[in-house]
Amino acid sequence: MDVNRLTQKSQEALQGAQTKATRFGRTEVDGEHLLFALLEPPEGLVPRLLSAAGAGAGNADQAPRLSERFTVQAIPTLVVIDQGRVLTRRSGAAPAPAPREWVDHALAA
């Protein structure tokens, strides 16, 4: 594929997907990486289209029946450990900057 033939926004989405795949230790970019990259900027086209269609992110913690229906098998959990000691633990989805803020706050305490 000639990436130069893609629109600027498409190139950015592809780059974002590649970054996500690398961050998760993957050597290939899959559909979920691209979807994650497309959904990440809340002001982006995809989140606005989904919102206009009445779709939104569900919270598996607050909707166990919804979790069962869509076979949610795990809830993202962030555990901050320093020298073998658990400093804090957070579960559930979070906007992109939140985990970094949680880690910084836990390490500063």
Protein backbone atom coordinates (compact mmCIF):
# COMPACT_ATOMS: atom_id res chain seq x y z
CA MET A 1 0.00 0.00 0.00
CA ASP A 2 1.30 3.44 -0.90
CA VAL A 3 0.66 5.46 2.27
CA ASN A 4 1.31 8.70 0.41
CA ARG A 5 -1.93 8.18 -1.50
CA LEU A 6 -3.95 8.26 1.73
CA THR A 7 -5.47 11.43 3.12
CA GLN A 8 -3.65 13.20 5.93
CA LYS A 9 -6.23 12.00 8.49
CA SER A 10 -5.96 8.42 7.20
CA GLN A 11 -2.18 8.57 7.52
CA GLU A 12 -2.55 9.87 11.08
CA ALA A 13 -4.98 7.05 11.95
CA LEU A 14 -2.62 4.46 10.50
CA GLN A 15 0.31 5.95 12.41
CA GLY A 16 -1.78 5.94 15.59
CA ALA A 17 -2.67 2.28 15.03
CA GLN A 18 0.99 1.43 14.53
CA THR A 19 1.87 3.26 17.75
CA LYS A 20 -0.86 1.36 19.64
CA ALA A 21 0.35 -1.98 18.28
CA THR A 22 3.94 -1.21 19.28
CA ARG A 23 2.86 -0.04 22.73
CA PHE A 24 1.07 -3.36 23.26
CA GLY A 25 4.11 -5.33 22.10
CA ARG A 26 2.62 -6.42 18.78
CA THR A 27 4.58 -6.71 15.57
CA GLU A 28 1.54 -6.37 13.32
CA VAL A 29 -1.16 -3.71 13.12
CA ASP A 30 -4.60 -5.30 13.39
CA GLY A 31 -8.11 -3.95 13.02
CA GLU A 32 -8.51 -3.36 16.75
CA HIS A 33 -5.41 -1.15 16.77
CA LEU A 34 -6.87 0.95 13.97
CA LEU A 35 -10.26 1.09 15.69
CA PHE A 36 -8.61 2.15 18.95
CA ALA A 37 -6.68 4.89 17.11
CA LEU A 38 -9.85 6.11 15.36
CA LEU A 39 -11.84 6.23 18.60
CA GLU A 40 -9.17 7.92 20.69
CA PRO A 41 -9.60 11.61 19.83
CA PRO A 42 -13.08 12.42 21.26
CA GLU A 43 -13.46 15.32 18.82
CA GLY A 44 -12.60 13.05 15.88
CA LEU A 45 -14.98 11.99 13.13
CA VAL A 46 -15.58 8.41 14.29
CA PRO A 47 -16.67 9.26 17.86
CA ARG A 48 -18.93 12.02 16.51
CA LEU A 49 -20.52 9.64 13.97
CA LEU A 50 -21.09 7.01 16.64
CA SER A 51 -22.60 9.59 18.96
CA ALA A 52 -24.91 10.88 16.21
CA ALA A 53 -26.02 7.29 15.60
CA GLY A 54 -26.86 6.91 19.28
CA ALA A 55 -23.94 4.61 20.04
CA GLY A 56 -21.69 5.21 22.97
CA ALA A 57 -19.14 3.54 25.15
CA GLY A 58 -20.61 1.26 27.76
CA ASN A 59 -19.21 0.77 31.21
CA ALA A 60 -18.78 -2.95 31.88
CA ASP A 61 -18.34 -2.26 35.60
CA GLN A 62 -21.78 -0.67 35.85
CA ALA A 63 -23.64 -2.94 33.42
CA PRO A 64 -22.96 -6.62 34.21
CA ARG A 65 -25.74 -7.85 31.91
CA LEU A 66 -24.25 -5.88 29.04
CA SER A 67 -20.87 -7.43 29.83
CA GLU A 68 -22.38 -10.91 29.70
CA ARG A 69 -24.21 -10.20 26.44
CA PHE A 70 -21.02 -9.10 24.69
CA THR A 71 -18.80 -11.58 26.56
CA VAL A 72 -16.57 -9.01 28.21
CA GLN A 73 -13.92 -11.21 29.77
CA ALA A 74 -11.69 -8.70 31.48
CA ILE A 75 -11.72 -5.18 32.81
CA PRO A 76 -8.55 -3.11 32.27
CA THR A 77 -6.68 -2.76 35.54
CA LEU A 78 -3.71 -0.54 36.31
CA VAL A 79 -1.56 -1.48 39.29
CA VAL A 80 1.29 0.85 40.30
CA ILE A 81 4.07 -1.09 42.05
CA ASP A 82 7.19 0.47 43.52
CA GLN A 83 9.91 -1.79 44.94
CA GLY A 84 7.47 -4.69 45.23
CA ARG A 85 4.82 -2.66 47.07
CA VAL A 86 1.42 -1.93 45.50
CA LEU A 87 0.91 1.84 45.65
CA THR A 88 -2.48 2.02 43.96
CA ARG A 89 -4.86 0.02 41.80
CA ARG A 90 -7.50 1.31 39.37
CA SER A 91 -9.95 -0.73 37.32
CA GLY A 92 -12.10 0.24 34.37
CA ALA A 93 -11.70 2.23 31.20
CA ALA A 94 -10.09 5.64 31.39
CA PRO A 95 -9.41 8.49 28.95
CA ALA A 96 -5.88 8.52 27.53
CA PRO A 97 -4.19 10.98 29.94
CA ALA A 98 -5.70 9.51 33.13
CA PRO A 99 -3.41 6.47 33.63
CA ARG A 100 -0.28 8.63 33.33
CA GLU A 101 -1.73 11.08 35.89
CA TRP A 102 -2.57 8.20 38.27
CA VAL A 103 0.96 6.80 38.03
CA ASP A 104 2.56 10.22 38.51
CA HIS A 105 0.34 10.93 41.53
CA ALA A 106 1.01 7.52 43.11
CA LEU A 107 4.77 7.84 42.68
CA ALA A 108 4.79 11.41 44.04
CA ALA A 109 2.99 10.39 47.26
